[in-house]
Amino acid sequence: MPVSQSDKAARFRTLHEGPGALLIPNPWDGASARILAGLGFQALATSSGACAGTLGRRDGQLTRDEALEHARAIVAAVDLPVSADLENGFGREFFARQPQP
């Protein structure tokens, strides 16, 4: 049975409250996420640079949709908490699509 989002959030918080350093690696796709989970990491984090690299681009050249799809692929591959690197938050991209008064 898949782990719920609220269970992952609770586990992520507990990991941050632990006594030692929390090491969170950056997979570049679903397959590398599974490998890292299999190596025993307890949480993962997406990487805008890794995603850009898989698309043959430099970091900072992703669209919001590409960054979200990258995060979805990693989250779907494992039952671990995943922290998302969403570049600059894509606020400019969002507001540029809004109708002007």
PDB file of N, CA and C in Angstrom:
ATOM      1  N   MET A   1       0.835  -1.179   0.000  1.00  0.00           N
ATOM      2  CA  MET A   1       0.000   0.000   0.000  1.00  0.00           C
ATOM      3  C   MET A   1       0.884   1.248   0.000  1.00  0.00           C
ATOM      4  N   PRO A   2       0.603   2.228  -0.894  1.00  0.00           N
ATOM      5  CA  PRO A   2       1.413   3.442  -0.952  1.00  0.00           C
ATOM      6  C   PRO A   2       1.316   4.257   0.344  1.00  0.00           C
ATOM      7  N   VAL A   3       2.381   4.968   0.632  1.00  0.00           N
ATOM      8  CA  VAL A   3       2.437   5.832   1.809  1.00  0.00           C
ATOM      9  C   VAL A   3       1.716   7.136   1.475  1.00  0.00           C
ATOM     10  N   SER A   4       0.867   7.625   2.382  1.00  0.00           N
ATOM     11  CA  SER A   4       0.113   8.857   2.134  1.00  0.00           C
ATOM     12  C   SER A   4       1.031  10.079   2.230  1.00  0.00           C
ATOM     13  N   GLN A   5       0.570  11.174   1.619  1.00  0.00           N
ATOM     14  CA  GLN A   5       1.333  12.414   1.671  1.00  0.00           C
ATOM     15  C   GLN A   5       1.500  12.895   3.112  1.00  0.00           C
ATOM     16  N   SER A   6       0.451  12.774   3.916  1.00  0.00           N
ATOM     17  CA  SER A   6       0.558  13.227   5.310  1.00  0.00           C
ATOM     18  C   SER A   6       1.538  12.356   6.103  1.00  0.00           C
ATOM     19  N   ASP A   7       1.586  11.064   5.804  1.00  0.00           N
ATOM     20  CA  ASP A   7       2.571  10.192   6.466  1.00  0.00           C
ATOM     21  C   ASP A   7       3.997  10.568   6.061  1.00  0.00           C
ATOM     22  N   LYS A   8       4.177  10.884   4.775  1.00  0.00           N
ATOM     23  CA  LYS A   8       5.507  11.306   4.314  1.00  0.00           C
ATOM     24  C   LYS A   8       5.913  12.616   4.977  1.00  0.00           C
ATOM     25  N   ALA A   9       4.977  13.549   5.105  1.00  0.00           N
ATOM     26  CA  ALA A   9       5.274  14.837   5.739  1.00  0.00           C
ATOM     27  C   ALA A   9       5.666  14.641   7.201  1.00  0.00           C
ATOM     28  N   ALA A  10       4.936  13.790   7.904  1.00  0.00           N
ATOM     29  CA  ALA A  10       5.250  13.521   9.314  1.00  0.00           C
ATOM     30  C   ALA A  10       6.624  12.865   9.443  1.00  0.00           C
ATOM     31  N   ARG A  11       6.916  11.938   8.544  1.00  0.00           N
ATOM     32  CA  ARG A  11       8.219  11.267   8.586  1.00  0.00           C
ATOM     33  C   ARG A  11       9.349  12.256   8.273  1.00  0.00           C
ATOM     34  N   PHE A  12       9.106  13.160   7.330  1.00  0.00           N
ATOM     35  CA  PHE A  12      10.105  14.161   6.951  1.00  0.00           C
ATOM     36  C   PHE A  12      10.404  15.082   8.134  1.00  0.00           C
ATOM     37  N   ARG A  13       9.359  15.492   8.830  1.00  0.00           N
ATOM     38  CA  ARG A  13       9.545  16.349  10.014  1.00  0.00           C
ATOM     39  C   ARG A  13      10.354  15.615  11.085  1.00  0.00           C
ATOM     40  N   THR A  14      10.022  14.356  11.318  1.00  0.00           N
ATOM     41  CA  THR A  14      10.746  13.560  12.311  1.00  0.00           C
ATOM     42  C   THR A  14      12.221  13.438  11.934  1.00  0.00           C
ATOM     43  N   LEU A  15      12.501  13.246  10.647  1.00  0.00           N
ATOM     44  CA  LEU A  15      13.897  13.155  10.203  1.00  0.00           C
ATOM     45  C   LEU A  15      14.653  14.452  10.488  1.00  0.00           C
ATOM     46  N   HIS A  16      13.993  15.586  10.326  1.00  0.00           N
ATOM     47  CA  HIS A  16      14.637  16.868  10.596  1.00  0.00           C
ATOM     48  C   HIS A  16      14.877  17.093  12.093  1.00  0.00           C
ATOM     49  N   GLU A  17      14.122  16.424  12.928  1.00  0.00           N
ATOM     50  CA  GLU A  17      14.258  16.585  14.370  1.00  0.00           C
ATOM     51  C   GLU A  17      15.237  15.590  14.989  1.00  0.00           C
ATOM     52  N   GLY A  18      15.814  14.733  14.159  1.00  0.00           N
ATOM     53  CA  GLY A  18      16.742  13.722  14.656  1.00  0.00           C
ATOM     54  C   GLY A  18      18.011  14.327  15.219  1.00  0.00           C
ATOM     55  N   PRO A  19      18.801  13.498  15.899  1.00  0.00           N
ATOM     56  CA  PRO A  19      20.006  13.994  16.562  1.00  0.00           C
ATOM     57  C   PRO A  19      21.164  14.304  15.608  1.00  0.00           C
ATOM     58  N   GLY A  20      21.202  13.657  14.479  1.00  0.00           N
ATOM     59  CA  GLY A  20      22.330  13.842  13.568  1.00  0.00           C
ATOM     60  C   GLY A  20      21.946  14.624  12.320  1.00  0.00           C
ATOM     61  N   ALA A  21      22.902  14.737  11.428  1.00  0.00           N
ATOM     62  CA  ALA A  21      22.678  15.423  10.163  1.00  0.00           C
ATOM     63  C   ALA A  21      21.774  14.574   9.268  1.00  0.00           C
ATOM     64  N   LEU A  22      20.902  15.223   8.558  1.00  0.00           N
ATOM     65  CA  LEU A  22      20.027  14.540   7.605  1.00  0.00           C
ATOM     66  C   LEU A  22      20.618  14.721   6.215  1.00  0.00           C
ATOM     67  N   LEU A  23      21.038  13.626   5.619  1.00  0.00           N
ATOM     68  CA  LEU A  23      21.595  13.655   4.266  1.00  0.00           C
ATOM     69  C   LEU A  23      20.487  13.350   3.271  1.00  0.00           C
ATOM     70  N   ILE A  24      20.277  14.275   2.342  1.00  0.00           N
ATOM     71  CA  ILE A  24      19.210  14.113   1.356  1.00  0.00           C
ATOM     72  C   ILE A  24      19.831  14.214  -0.037  1.00  0.00           C
ATOM     73  N   PRO A  25      19.969  13.098  -0.742  1.00  0.00           N
ATOM     74  CA  PRO A  25      20.564  13.135  -2.079  1.00  0.00           C
ATOM     75  C   PRO A  25      19.561  13.611  -3.129  1.00  0.00           C
ATOM     76  N   ASN A  26      20.107  13.993  -4.275  1.00  0.00           N
ATOM     77  CA  ASN A  26      19.309  14.501  -5.391  1.00  0.00           C
ATOM     78  C   ASN A  26      19.292  13.526  -6.560  1.00  0.00           C
ATOM     79  N   PRO A  27      18.248  12.723  -6.699  1.00  0.00           N
ATOM     80  CA  PRO A  27      18.141  11.871  -7.887  1.00  0.00           C
ATOM     81  C   PRO A  27      17.832  12.723  -9.113  1.00  0.00           C
ATOM     82  N   TRP A  28      18.174  12.211 -10.284  1.00  0.00           N
ATOM     83  CA  TRP A  28      17.891  12.954 -11.503  1.00  0.00           C
ATOM     84  C   TRP A  28      16.692  12.379 -12.259  1.00  0.00           C
ATOM     85  N   ASP A  29      16.210  11.221 -11.814  1.00  0.00           N
ATOM     86  CA  ASP A  29      15.020  10.629 -12.437  1.00  0.00           C
ATOM     87  C   ASP A  29      14.454   9.557 -11.505  1.00  0.00           C
ATOM     88  N   GLY A  30      13.382   8.901 -11.941  1.00  0.00           N
ATOM     89  CA  GLY A  30      12.761   7.875 -11.111  1.00  0.00           C
ATOM     90  C   GLY A  30      13.672   6.695 -10.821  1.00  0.00           C
ATOM     91  N   ALA A  31      14.464   6.285 -11.807  1.00  0.00           N
ATOM     92  CA  ALA A  31      15.353   5.139 -11.604  1.00  0.00           C
ATOM     93  C   ALA A  31      16.426   5.444 -10.566  1.00  0.00           C
ATOM     94  N   SER A  32      17.025   6.625 -10.653  1.00  0.00           N
ATOM     95  CA  SER A  32      18.046   6.962  -9.663  1.00  0.00           C
ATOM     96  C   SER A  32      17.412   7.171  -8.284  1.00  0.00           C
ATOM     97  N   ALA A  33      16.158   7.605  -8.238  1.00  0.00           N
ATOM     98  CA  ALA A  33      15.449   7.721  -6.957  1.00  0.00           C
ATOM     99  C   ALA A  33      15.315   6.344  -6.307  1.00  0.00           C
ATOM    100  N   ARG A  34      14.995   5.349  -7.100  1.00  0.00           N
ATOM    101  CA  ARG A  34      14.870   3.984  -6.560  1.00  0.00           C
ATOM    102  C   ARG A  34      16.216   3.443  -6.085  1.00  0.00           C
ATOM    103  N   ILE A  35      17.251   3.743  -6.812  1.00  0.00           N
ATOM    104  CA  ILE A  35      18.588   3.293  -6.403  1.00  0.00           C
ATOM    105  C   ILE A  35      18.960   3.925  -5.067  1.00  0.00           C
ATOM    106  N   LEU A  36      18.741   5.226  -4.944  1.00  0.00           N
ATOM    107  CA  LEU A  36      19.079   5.917  -3.692  1.00  0.00           C
ATOM    108  C   LEU A  36      18.233   5.409  -2.528  1.00  0.00           C
ATOM    109  N   ALA A  37      16.955   5.137  -2.781  1.00  0.00           N
ATOM    110  CA  ALA A  37      16.106   4.564  -1.729  1.00  0.00           C
ATOM    111  C   ALA A  37      16.641   3.187  -1.329  1.00  0.00           C
ATOM    112  N   GLY A  38      17.053   2.405  -2.317  1.00  0.00           N
ATOM    113  CA  GLY A  38      17.601   1.079  -2.044  1.00  0.00           C
ATOM    114  C   GLY A  38      18.907   1.119  -1.276  1.00  0.00           C
ATOM    115  N   LEU A  39      19.630   2.217  -1.376  1.00  0.00           N
ATOM    116  CA  LEU A  39      20.883   2.382  -0.632  1.00  0.00           C
ATOM    117  C   LEU A  39      20.630   2.804   0.816  1.00  0.00           C
ATOM    118  N   GLY A  40      19.369   3.060   1.144  1.00  0.00           N
ATOM    119  CA  GLY A  40      19.021   3.355   2.522  1.00  0.00           C
ATOM    120  C   GLY A  40      18.749   4.805   2.862  1.00  0.00           C
ATOM    121  N   PHE A  41      18.779   5.703   1.883  1.00  0.00           N
ATOM    122  CA  PHE A  41      18.445   7.092   2.189  1.00  0.00           C
ATOM    123  C   PHE A  41      16.989   7.159   2.616  1.00  0.00           C
ATOM    124  N   GLN A  42      16.700   8.012   3.587  1.00  0.00           N
ATOM    125  CA  GLN A  42      15.359   8.087   4.155  1.00  0.00           C
ATOM    126  C   GLN A  42      14.508   9.192   3.559  1.00  0.00           C
ATOM    127  N   ALA A  43      15.107  10.059   2.758  1.00  0.00           N
ATOM    128  CA  ALA A  43      14.388  11.137   2.078  1.00  0.00           C
ATOM    129  C   ALA A  43      15.193  11.522   0.848  1.00  0.00           C
ATOM    130  N   LEU A  44      14.536  12.156  -0.105  1.00  0.00           N
ATOM    131  CA  LEU A  44      15.189  12.612  -1.330  1.00  0.00           C
ATOM    132  C   LEU A  44      14.815  14.065  -1.577  1.00  0.00           C
ATOM    133  N   ALA A  45      15.548  14.714  -2.475  1.00  0.00           N
ATOM    134  CA  ALA A  45      15.231  16.080  -2.874  1.00  0.00           C
ATOM    135  C   ALA A  45      15.429  16.199  -4.373  1.00  0.00           C
ATOM    136  N   THR A  46      14.483  16.822  -5.038  1.00  0.00           N
ATOM    137  CA  THR A  46      14.665  17.047  -6.463  1.00  0.00           C
ATOM    138  C   THR A  46      15.746  18.101  -6.658  1.00  0.00           C
ATOM    139  N   SER A  47      16.253  18.188  -7.851  1.00  0.00           N
ATOM    140  CA  SER A  47      17.311  19.145  -8.182  1.00  0.00           C
ATOM    141  C   SER A  47      16.991  19.768  -9.526  1.00  0.00           C
ATOM    142  N   SER A  48      16.836  21.080  -9.547  1.00  0.00           N
ATOM    143  CA  SER A  48      16.553  21.741 -10.817  1.00  0.00           C
ATOM    144  C   SER A  48      17.721  21.544 -11.782  1.00  0.00           C
ATOM    145  N   GLY A  49      18.942  21.542 -11.251  1.00  0.00           N
ATOM    146  CA  GLY A  49      20.106  21.310 -12.106  1.00  0.00           C
ATOM    147  C   GLY A  49      20.123  19.923 -12.704  1.00  0.00           C
ATOM    148  N   ALA A  50      19.761  18.919 -11.904  1.00  0.00           N
ATOM    149  CA  ALA A  50      19.712  17.545 -12.414  1.00  0.00           C
ATOM    150  C   ALA A  50      18.632  17.402 -13.473  1.00  0.00           C
ATOM    151  N   CYS A  51      17.481  17.989 -13.221  1.00  0.00           N
ATOM    152  CA  CYS A  51      16.403  17.923 -14.204  1.00  0.00           C
ATOM    153  C   CYS A  51      16.811  18.615 -15.496  1.00  0.00           C
ATOM    154  N   ALA A  52      17.379  19.808 -15.382  1.00  0.00           N
ATOM    155  CA  ALA A  52      17.822  20.536 -16.570  1.00  0.00           C
ATOM    156  C   ALA A  52      18.850  19.713 -17.348  1.00  0.00           C
ATOM    157  N   GLY A  53      19.764  19.089 -16.623  1.00  0.00           N
ATOM    158  CA  GLY A  53      20.787  18.272 -17.277  1.00  0.00           C
ATOM    159  C   GLY A  53      20.199  17.112 -18.066  1.00  0.00           C
ATOM    160  N   THR A  54      19.143  16.481 -17.527  1.00  0.00           N
ATOM    161  CA  THR A  54      18.529  15.363 -18.259  1.00  0.00           C
ATOM    162  C   THR A  54      17.843  15.844 -19.530  1.00  0.00           C
ATOM    163  N   LEU A  55      17.526  17.126 -19.584  1.00  0.00           N
ATOM    164  CA  LEU A  55      16.891  17.704 -20.776  1.00  0.00           C
ATOM    165  C   LEU A  55      17.896  18.418 -21.680  1.00  0.00           C
ATOM    166  N   GLY A  56      19.195  18.306 -21.335  1.00  0.00           N
ATOM    167  CA  GLY A  56      20.239  18.927 -22.147  1.00  0.00           C
ATOM    168  C   GLY A  56      20.284  20.438 -22.013  1.00  0.00           C
ATOM    169  N   ARG A  57      19.852  20.958 -20.846  1.00  0.00           N
ATOM    170  CA  ARG A  57      19.840  22.400 -20.623  1.00  0.00           C
ATOM    171  C   ARG A  57      20.641  22.756 -19.378  1.00  0.00           C
ATOM    172  N   ARG A  58      20.838  24.044 -19.198  1.00  0.00           N
ATOM    173  CA  ARG A  58      21.478  24.544 -17.989  1.00  0.00           C
ATOM    174  C   ARG A  58      20.436  24.762 -16.911  1.00  0.00           C
ATOM    175  N   ASP A  59      20.902  24.757 -15.662  1.00  0.00           N
ATOM    176  CA  ASP A  59      20.020  25.057 -14.544  1.00  0.00           C
ATOM    177  C   ASP A  59      19.422  26.452 -14.735  1.00  0.00           C
ATOM    178  N   GLY A  60      18.168  26.602 -14.376  1.00  0.00           N
ATOM    179  CA  GLY A  60      17.481  27.882 -14.532  1.00  0.00           C
ATOM    180  C   GLY A  60      16.712  27.999 -15.832  1.00  0.00           C
ATOM    181  N   GLN A  61      16.780  26.979 -16.684  1.00  0.00           N
ATOM    182  CA  GLN A  61      16.110  27.044 -17.980  1.00  0.00           C
ATOM    183  C   GLN A  61      14.905  26.112 -18.062  1.00  0.00           C
ATOM    184  N   LEU A  62      14.356  25.721 -16.912  1.00  0.00           N
ATOM    185  CA  LEU A  62      13.185  24.850 -16.898  1.00  0.00           C
ATOM    186  C   LEU A  62      11.903  25.669 -16.863  1.00  0.00           C
ATOM    187  N   THR A  63      10.859  25.099 -17.416  1.00  0.00           N
ATOM    188  CA  THR A  63       9.542  25.697 -17.225  1.00  0.00           C
ATOM    189  C   THR A  63       8.952  25.138 -15.934  1.00  0.00           C
ATOM    190  N   ARG A  64       7.922  25.791 -15.455  1.00  0.00           N
ATOM    191  CA  ARG A  64       7.230  25.316 -14.256  1.00  0.00           C
ATOM    192  C   ARG A  64       6.721  23.900 -14.481  1.00  0.00           C
ATOM    193  N   ASP A  65       6.105  23.651 -15.626  1.00  0.00           N
ATOM    194  CA  ASP A  65       5.555  22.325 -15.912  1.00  0.00           C
ATOM    195  C   ASP A  65       6.639  21.254 -15.950  1.00  0.00           C
ATOM    196  N   GLU A  66       7.802  21.576 -16.498  1.00  0.00           N
ATOM    197  CA  GLU A  66       8.903  20.608 -16.529  1.00  0.00           C
ATOM    198  C   GLU A  66       9.401  20.291 -15.120  1.00  0.00           C
ATOM    199  N   ALA A  67       9.527  21.311 -14.285  1.00  0.00           N
ATOM    200  CA  ALA A  67       9.982  21.089 -12.909  1.00  0.00           C
ATOM    201  C   ALA A  67       8.974  20.249 -12.133  1.00  0.00           C
ATOM    202  N   LEU A  68       7.691  20.528 -12.322  1.00  0.00           N
ATOM    203  CA  LEU A  68       6.661  19.755 -11.623  1.00  0.00           C
ATOM    204  C   LEU A  68       6.611  18.314 -12.111  1.00  0.00           C
ATOM    205  N   GLU A  69       6.764  18.109 -13.400  1.00  0.00           N
ATOM    206  CA  GLU A  69       6.758  16.739 -13.936  1.00  0.00           C
ATOM    207  C   GLU A  69       7.958  15.953 -13.414  1.00  0.00           C
ATOM    208  N   HIS A  70       9.105  16.608 -13.324  1.00  0.00           N
ATOM    209  CA  HIS A  70      10.299  15.971 -12.780  1.00  0.00           C
ATOM    210  C   HIS A  70      10.047  15.536 -11.334  1.00  0.00           C
ATOM    211  N   ALA A  71       9.474  16.425 -10.534  1.00  0.00           N
ATOM    212  CA  ALA A  71       9.170  16.092  -9.139  1.00  0.00           C
ATOM    213  C   ALA A  71       8.162  14.947  -9.065  1.00  0.00           C
ATOM    214  N   ARG A  72       7.129  14.982  -9.902  1.00  0.00           N
ATOM    215  CA  ARG A  72       6.120  13.907  -9.912  1.00  0.00           C
ATOM    216  C   ARG A  72       6.754  12.552 -10.192  1.00  0.00           C
ATOM    217  N   ALA A  73       7.680  12.511 -11.148  1.00  0.00           N
ATOM    218  CA  ALA A  73       8.316  11.242 -11.519  1.00  0.00           C
ATOM    219  C   ALA A  73       9.114  10.671 -10.345  1.00  0.00           C
ATOM    220  N   ILE A  74       9.800  11.518  -9.628  1.00  0.00           N
ATOM    221  CA  ILE A  74      10.589  11.053  -8.485  1.00  0.00           C
ATOM    222  C   ILE A  74       9.678  10.618  -7.346  1.00  0.00           C
ATOM    223  N   VAL A  75       8.658  11.416  -7.052  1.00  0.00           N
ATOM    224  CA  VAL A  75       7.711  11.069  -5.979  1.00  0.00           C
ATOM    225  C   VAL A  75       7.013   9.747  -6.288  1.00  0.00           C
ATOM    226  N   ALA A  76       6.644   9.532  -7.547  1.00  0.00           N
ATOM    227  CA  ALA A  76       5.942   8.308  -7.933  1.00  0.00           C
ATOM    228  C   ALA A  76       6.835   7.071  -7.846  1.00  0.00           C
ATOM    229  N   ALA A  77       8.138   7.262  -7.935  1.00  0.00           N
ATOM    230  CA  ALA A  77       9.065   6.125  -7.968  1.00  0.00           C
ATOM    231  C   ALA A  77       9.357   5.532  -6.601  1.00  0.00           C
ATOM    232  N   VAL A  78       9.154   6.325  -5.532  1.00  0.00           N
ATOM    233  CA  VAL A  78       9.532   5.872  -4.189  1.00  0.00           C
ATOM    234  C   VAL A  78       8.465   6.230  -3.164  1.00  0.00           C
ATOM    235  N   ASP A  79       8.523   5.576  -2.019  1.00  0.00           N
ATOM    236  CA  ASP A  79       7.620   5.882  -0.900  1.00  0.00           C
ATOM    237  C   ASP A  79       8.319   6.724   0.157  1.00  0.00           C
ATOM    238  N   LEU A  80       9.288   7.519  -0.258  1.00  0.00           N
ATOM    239  CA  LEU A  80      10.038   8.371   0.665  1.00  0.00           C
ATOM    240  C   LEU A  80       9.532   9.807   0.594  1.00  0.00           C
ATOM    241  N   PRO A  81       9.778  10.594   1.639  1.00  0.00           N
ATOM    242  CA  PRO A  81       9.507  12.029   1.541  1.00  0.00           C
ATOM    243  C   PRO A  81      10.441  12.641   0.499  1.00  0.00           C
ATOM    244  N   VAL A  82       9.923  13.596  -0.258  1.00  0.00           N
ATOM    245  CA  VAL A  82      10.714  14.269  -1.291  1.00  0.00           C
ATOM    246  C   VAL A  82      10.559  15.780  -1.137  1.00  0.00           C
ATOM    247  N   SER A  83      11.686  16.456  -0.999  1.00  0.00           N
ATOM    248  CA  SER A  83      11.707  17.918  -0.968  1.00  0.00           C
ATOM    249  C   SER A  83      11.905  18.393  -2.406  1.00  0.00           C
ATOM    250  N   ALA A  84      11.105  19.382  -2.826  1.00  0.00           N
ATOM    251  CA  ALA A  84      11.145  19.835  -4.219  1.00  0.00           C
ATOM    252  C   ALA A  84      11.923  21.128  -4.382  1.00  0.00           C
ATOM    253  N   ASP A  85      12.873  21.122  -5.304  1.00  0.00           N
ATOM    254  CA  ASP A  85      13.600  22.316  -5.718  1.00  0.00           C
ATOM    255  C   ASP A  85      12.849  22.870  -6.916  1.00  0.00           C
ATOM    256  N   LEU A  86      12.142  23.958  -6.701  1.00  0.00           N
ATOM    257  CA  LEU A  86      11.348  24.556  -7.787  1.00  0.00           C
ATOM    258  C   LEU A  86      11.966  25.878  -8.233  1.00  0.00           C
ATOM    259  N   GLU A  87      13.261  25.845  -8.438  1.00  0.00           N
ATOM    260  CA  GLU A  87      14.030  26.994  -8.911  1.00  0.00           C
ATOM    261  C   GLU A  87      13.687  28.250  -8.126  1.00  0.00           C
ATOM    262  N   ASN A  88      13.099  29.234  -8.770  1.00  0.00           N
ATOM    263  CA  ASN A  88      12.774  30.495  -8.119  1.00  0.00           C
ATOM    264  C   ASN A  88      11.295  30.584  -7.741  1.00  0.00           C
ATOM    265  N   GLY A  89      10.605  29.467  -7.791  1.00  0.00           N
ATOM    266  CA  GLY A  89       9.183  29.438  -7.454  1.00  0.00           C
ATOM    267  C   GLY A  89       8.265  29.713  -8.636  1.00  0.00           C
ATOM    268  N   PHE A  90       8.825  30.168  -9.753  1.00  0.00           N
ATOM    269  CA  PHE A  90       8.074  30.410 -10.984  1.00  0.00           C
ATOM    270  C   PHE A  90       6.997  31.475 -10.829  1.00  0.00           C
ATOM    271  N   GLY A  91       7.178  32.392  -9.896  1.00  0.00           N
ATOM    272  CA  GLY A  91       6.210  33.472  -9.710  1.00  0.00           C
ATOM    273  C   GLY A  91       6.064  34.342 -10.940  1.00  0.00           C
ATOM    274  N   ARG A  92       7.165  34.697 -11.568  1.00  0.00           N
ATOM    275  CA  ARG A  92       7.092  35.540 -12.775  1.00  0.00           C
ATOM    276  C   ARG A  92       6.313  34.848 -13.880  1.00  0.00           C
ATOM    277  N   GLU A  93       6.580  33.550 -14.054  1.00  0.00           N
ATOM    278  CA  GLU A  93       5.881  32.785 -15.094  1.00  0.00           C
ATOM    279  C   GLU A  93       4.384  32.745 -14.804  1.00  0.00           C
ATOM    280  N   PHE A  94       4.021  32.534 -13.543  1.00  0.00           N
ATOM    281  CA  PHE A  94       2.616  32.481 -13.162  1.00  0.00           C
ATOM    282  C   PHE A  94       1.944  33.832 -13.410  1.00  0.00           C
ATOM    283  N   PHE A  95       2.558  34.894 -12.904  1.00  0.00           N
ATOM    284  CA  PHE A  95       1.931  36.208 -13.016  1.00  0.00           C
ATOM    285  C   PHE A  95       1.916  36.721 -14.451  1.00  0.00           C
ATOM    286  N   ALA A  96       2.853  36.274 -15.278  1.00  0.00           N
ATOM    287  CA  ALA A  96       2.862  36.680 -16.680  1.00  0.00           C
ATOM    288  C   ALA A  96       1.658  36.122 -17.430  1.00  0.00           C
ATOM    289  N   ARG A  97       1.101  35.019 -16.946  1.00  0.00           N
ATOM    290  CA  ARG A  97      -0.056  34.400 -17.608  1.00  0.00           C
ATOM    291  C   ARG A  97      -1.380  34.959 -17.130  1.00  0.00           C
ATOM    292  N   GLN A  98      -1.356  35.822 -16.102  1.00  0.00           N
ATOM    293  CA  GLN A  98      -2.592  36.362 -15.540  1.00  0.00           C
ATOM    294  C   GLN A  98      -3.090  37.539 -16.380  1.00  0.00           C
ATOM    295  N   PRO A  99      -4.417  37.646 -16.534  1.00  0.00           N
ATOM    296  CA  PRO A  99      -4.954  38.799 -17.287  1.00  0.00           C
ATOM    297  C   PRO A  99      -4.628  40.096 -16.557  1.00  0.00           C
ATOM    298  N   GLN A 100      -4.287  41.110 -17.329  1.00  0.00           N
ATOM    299  CA  GLN A 100      -3.976  42.408 -16.759  1.00  0.00           C
ATOM    300  C   GLN A 100      -5.239  43.232 -16.616  1.00  0.00           C
ATOM    301  N   PRO A 101      -5.363  43.989 -15.504  1.00  0.00           N
ATOM    302  CA  PRO A 101      -6.577  44.795 -15.301  1.00  0.00           C
ATOM    303  C   PRO A 101      -6.682  45.941 -16.275  1.00  0.00           C
TER     304      PRO A 101
END
